[in-house]
Protein backbone atom coordinates (compact mmCIF):
# COMPACT_ATOMS: atom_id res chain seq x y z
CA UNK A 1 0.00 0.00 0.00
CA UNK A 2 1.27 3.44 -0.83
CA UNK A 3 1.46 5.77 2.16
CA UNK A 4 1.89 9.37 1.08
CA UNK A 5 2.56 10.60 4.61
CA UNK A 6 0.81 13.29 6.63
CA UNK A 7 -0.35 16.30 4.69
CA UNK A 8 0.65 14.90 1.31
CA UNK A 9 -1.66 13.98 -1.54
CA UNK A 10 -1.11 11.39 -4.25
CA UNK A 11 -0.21 12.86 -7.62
CA UNK A 12 -1.91 11.25 -10.60
CA UNK A 13 -1.41 12.25 -14.24
CA UNK A 14 0.33 15.46 -13.24
CA UNK A 15 -2.74 16.66 -11.29
CA UNK A 16 -3.25 16.92 -7.58
CA UNK A 17 -5.90 14.64 -6.13
CA UNK A 18 -9.01 16.24 -4.63
CA UNK A 19 -9.14 17.08 -0.95
CA UNK A 20 -9.60 14.03 1.30
CA UNK A 21 -13.04 13.10 2.59
CA UNK A 22 -11.70 11.53 5.81
CA UNK A 23 -8.49 12.00 7.78
CA UNK A 24 -7.28 10.26 10.93
CA UNK A 25 -6.51 12.69 13.74
CA UNK A 26 -3.82 10.40 15.18
CA UNK A 27 -1.80 9.12 12.21
CA UNK A 28 -2.95 11.74 9.62
CA UNK A 29 -3.73 9.07 7.01
CA UNK A 30 -6.29 10.33 4.49
CA UNK A 31 -9.01 8.65 2.44
CA UNK A 32 -10.36 10.26 -0.72
CA UNK A 33 -13.26 8.09 -1.94
CA UNK A 34 -16.95 8.22 -1.09
CA UNK A 35 -17.05 4.46 -0.55
CA UNK A 36 -14.16 4.67 1.93
CA UNK A 37 -15.89 7.52 3.79
CA UNK A 38 -19.11 5.49 3.97
CA UNK A 39 -17.30 2.42 5.31
CA UNK A 40 -15.30 4.44 7.83
CA UNK A 41 -18.51 5.97 9.18
CA UNK A 42 -19.67 2.43 9.92
CA UNK A 43 -16.33 1.31 11.40
CA UNK A 44 -16.08 4.43 13.56
CA UNK A 45 -12.29 4.54 13.94
CA UNK A 46 -9.07 4.46 11.96
CA UNK A 47 -8.38 0.91 10.74
CA UNK A 48 -4.64 1.66 10.74
CA UNK A 49 -4.08 3.00 14.26
CA UNK A 50 -7.49 3.09 15.97
CA UNK A 51 -7.48 6.90 16.15
CA UNK A 52 -10.43 9.25 15.85
CA UNK A 53 -11.56 10.11 12.32
CA UNK A 54 -12.26 13.60 10.98
CA UNK A 55 -14.92 13.60 8.26
CA UNK A 56 -14.13 16.48 5.93
CA UNK A 57 -16.65 15.81 3.16
CA UNK A 58 -20.37 16.30 2.85
CA UNK A 59 -22.15 13.20 4.23
CA UNK A 60 -25.16 13.58 1.92
CA UNK A 61 -22.91 13.85 -1.14
CA UNK A 62 -20.92 10.80 -0.01
CA UNK A 63 -24.11 8.75 0.40
CA UNK A 64 -25.30 9.84 -3.07
CA UNK A 65 -21.93 8.87 -4.61
CA UNK A 66 -22.06 5.42 -2.96
CA UNK A 67 -25.63 4.87 -4.18
CA UNK A 68 -24.65 5.92 -7.72
CA UNK A 69 -21.63 3.58 -7.66
CA UNK A 70 -23.89 0.71 -6.55
CA UNK A 71 -26.29 1.39 -9.44
CA UNK A 72 -23.45 1.50 -11.97
CA UNK A 73 -21.90 -1.69 -10.58
CA UNK A 74 -25.17 -3.60 -10.80
CA UNK A 75 -25.95 -2.28 -14.30
CA UNK A 76 -22.55 -3.38 -15.60
CA UNK A 77 -22.61 -6.91 -14.20
CA UNK A 78 -21.31 -9.53 -16.63
CA UNK A 79 -24.71 -11.24 -16.93
CA UNK A 80 -26.45 -7.99 -17.86
CA UNK A 81 -23.87 -7.27 -20.57
CA UNK A 82 -23.15 -10.75 -21.91
CA UNK A 83 -26.42 -12.57 -21.18
CA UNK A 84 -26.67 -16.10 -19.84
CA UNK A 85 -24.14 -18.71 -21.00
CA UNK A 86 -25.21 -20.80 -24.00
CA UNK A 87 -24.94 -23.99 -21.95
CA UNK A 88 -27.78 -22.71 -19.73
CA UNK A 89 -30.16 -22.41 -22.68
CA UNK A 90 -30.38 -26.18 -23.22
C-alpha atoms as a PDB file:
ATOM      1  CA  UNK A   1       0.000   0.000   0.000  1.00  0.00           C
ATOM      2  CA  UNK A   2       1.274   3.444  -0.835  1.00  0.00           C
ATOM      3  CA  UNK A   3       1.459   5.772   2.164  1.00  0.00           C
ATOM      4  CA  UNK A   4       1.886   9.366   1.083  1.00  0.00           C
ATOM      5  CA  UNK A   5       2.557  10.596   4.606  1.00  0.00           C
ATOM      6  CA  UNK A   6       0.814  13.294   6.625  1.00  0.00           C
ATOM      7  CA  UNK A   7      -0.349  16.302   4.692  1.00  0.00           C
ATOM      8  CA  UNK A   8       0.650  14.896   1.306  1.00  0.00           C
ATOM      9  CA  UNK A   9      -1.656  13.983  -1.536  1.00  0.00           C
ATOM     10  CA  UNK A  10      -1.110  11.392  -4.247  1.00  0.00           C
ATOM     11  CA  UNK A  11      -0.214  12.862  -7.625  1.00  0.00           C
ATOM     12  CA  UNK A  12      -1.906  11.251 -10.604  1.00  0.00           C
ATOM     13  CA  UNK A  13      -1.409  12.247 -14.238  1.00  0.00           C
ATOM     14  CA  UNK A  14       0.328  15.465 -13.244  1.00  0.00           C
ATOM     15  CA  UNK A  15      -2.742  16.662 -11.295  1.00  0.00           C
ATOM     16  CA  UNK A  16      -3.250  16.921  -7.578  1.00  0.00           C
ATOM     17  CA  UNK A  17      -5.898  14.641  -6.127  1.00  0.00           C
ATOM     18  CA  UNK A  18      -9.010  16.240  -4.633  1.00  0.00           C
ATOM     19  CA  UNK A  19      -9.139  17.078  -0.946  1.00  0.00           C
ATOM     20  CA  UNK A  20      -9.601  14.034   1.300  1.00  0.00           C
ATOM     21  CA  UNK A  21     -13.037  13.100   2.593  1.00  0.00           C
ATOM     22  CA  UNK A  22     -11.702  11.534   5.814  1.00  0.00           C
ATOM     23  CA  UNK A  23      -8.492  12.002   7.782  1.00  0.00           C
ATOM     24  CA  UNK A  24      -7.282  10.260  10.928  1.00  0.00           C
ATOM     25  CA  UNK A  25      -6.512  12.689  13.741  1.00  0.00           C
ATOM     26  CA  UNK A  26      -3.819  10.400  15.184  1.00  0.00           C
ATOM     27  CA  UNK A  27      -1.801   9.117  12.208  1.00  0.00           C
ATOM     28  CA  UNK A  28      -2.952  11.737   9.617  1.00  0.00           C
ATOM     29  CA  UNK A  29      -3.726   9.073   7.011  1.00  0.00           C
ATOM     30  CA  UNK A  30      -6.288  10.333   4.492  1.00  0.00           C
ATOM     31  CA  UNK A  31      -9.013   8.646   2.443  1.00  0.00           C
ATOM     32  CA  UNK A  32     -10.364  10.259  -0.716  1.00  0.00           C
ATOM     33  CA  UNK A  33     -13.257   8.093  -1.937  1.00  0.00           C
ATOM     34  CA  UNK A  34     -16.950   8.218  -1.088  1.00  0.00           C
ATOM     35  CA  UNK A  35     -17.052   4.459  -0.549  1.00  0.00           C
ATOM     36  CA  UNK A  36     -14.164   4.668   1.928  1.00  0.00           C
ATOM     37  CA  UNK A  37     -15.887   7.517   3.791  1.00  0.00           C
ATOM     38  CA  UNK A  38     -19.110   5.492   3.971  1.00  0.00           C
ATOM     39  CA  UNK A  39     -17.297   2.418   5.308  1.00  0.00           C
ATOM     40  CA  UNK A  40     -15.302   4.440   7.831  1.00  0.00           C
ATOM     41  CA  UNK A  41     -18.510   5.969   9.183  1.00  0.00           C
ATOM     42  CA  UNK A  42     -19.670   2.426   9.918  1.00  0.00           C
ATOM     43  CA  UNK A  43     -16.334   1.307  11.403  1.00  0.00           C
ATOM     44  CA  UNK A  44     -16.080   4.432  13.561  1.00  0.00           C
ATOM     45  CA  UNK A  45     -12.294   4.539  13.938  1.00  0.00           C
ATOM     46  CA  UNK A  46      -9.069   4.461  11.959  1.00  0.00           C
ATOM     47  CA  UNK A  47      -8.383   0.910  10.738  1.00  0.00           C
ATOM     48  CA  UNK A  48      -4.638   1.664  10.736  1.00  0.00           C
ATOM     49  CA  UNK A  49      -4.084   2.999  14.264  1.00  0.00           C
ATOM     50  CA  UNK A  50      -7.495   3.091  15.967  1.00  0.00           C
ATOM     51  CA  UNK A  51      -7.476   6.897  16.149  1.00  0.00           C
ATOM     52  CA  UNK A  52     -10.426   9.248  15.847  1.00  0.00           C
ATOM     53  CA  UNK A  53     -11.560  10.111  12.323  1.00  0.00           C
ATOM     54  CA  UNK A  54     -12.260  13.601  10.981  1.00  0.00           C
ATOM     55  CA  UNK A  55     -14.922  13.596   8.265  1.00  0.00           C
ATOM     56  CA  UNK A  56     -14.134  16.476   5.927  1.00  0.00           C
ATOM     57  CA  UNK A  57     -16.648  15.807   3.157  1.00  0.00           C
ATOM     58  CA  UNK A  58     -20.375  16.299   2.848  1.00  0.00           C
ATOM     59  CA  UNK A  59     -22.146  13.200   4.232  1.00  0.00           C
ATOM     60  CA  UNK A  60     -25.157  13.575   1.924  1.00  0.00           C
ATOM     61  CA  UNK A  61     -22.914  13.854  -1.141  1.00  0.00           C
ATOM     62  CA  UNK A  62     -20.918  10.795  -0.007  1.00  0.00           C
ATOM     63  CA  UNK A  63     -24.114   8.747   0.395  1.00  0.00           C
ATOM     64  CA  UNK A  64     -25.298   9.839  -3.071  1.00  0.00           C
ATOM     65  CA  UNK A  65     -21.930   8.875  -4.607  1.00  0.00           C
ATOM     66  CA  UNK A  66     -22.060   5.421  -2.964  1.00  0.00           C
ATOM     67  CA  UNK A  67     -25.631   4.873  -4.185  1.00  0.00           C
ATOM     68  CA  UNK A  68     -24.646   5.923  -7.720  1.00  0.00           C
ATOM     69  CA  UNK A  69     -21.627   3.577  -7.660  1.00  0.00           C
ATOM     70  CA  UNK A  70     -23.888   0.708  -6.551  1.00  0.00           C
ATOM     71  CA  UNK A  71     -26.290   1.395  -9.442  1.00  0.00           C
ATOM     72  CA  UNK A  72     -23.451   1.497 -11.966  1.00  0.00           C
ATOM     73  CA  UNK A  73     -21.896  -1.686 -10.584  1.00  0.00           C
ATOM     74  CA  UNK A  74     -25.175  -3.601 -10.801  1.00  0.00           C
ATOM     75  CA  UNK A  75     -25.948  -2.282 -14.300  1.00  0.00           C
ATOM     76  CA  UNK A  76     -22.554  -3.378 -15.599  1.00  0.00           C
ATOM     77  CA  UNK A  77     -22.608  -6.908 -14.199  1.00  0.00           C
ATOM     78  CA  UNK A  78     -21.308  -9.535 -16.634  1.00  0.00           C
ATOM     79  CA  UNK A  79     -24.705 -11.239 -16.931  1.00  0.00           C
ATOM     80  CA  UNK A  80     -26.446  -7.989 -17.863  1.00  0.00           C
ATOM     81  CA  UNK A  81     -23.872  -7.270 -20.565  1.00  0.00           C
ATOM     82  CA  UNK A  82     -23.153 -10.751 -21.908  1.00  0.00           C
ATOM     83  CA  UNK A  83     -26.417 -12.572 -21.182  1.00  0.00           C
ATOM     84  CA  UNK A  84     -26.673 -16.096 -19.840  1.00  0.00           C
ATOM     85  CA  UNK A  85     -24.141 -18.707 -20.999  1.00  0.00           C
ATOM     86  CA  UNK A  86     -25.214 -20.805 -23.998  1.00  0.00           C
ATOM     87  CA  UNK A  87     -24.942 -23.995 -21.953  1.00  0.00           C
ATOM     88  CA  UNK A  88     -27.778 -22.709 -19.734  1.00  0.00           C
ATOM     89  CA  UNK A  89     -30.160 -22.414 -22.683  1.00  0.00           C
ATOM     90  CA  UNK A  90     -30.377 -26.179 -23.222  1.00  0.00           C
END
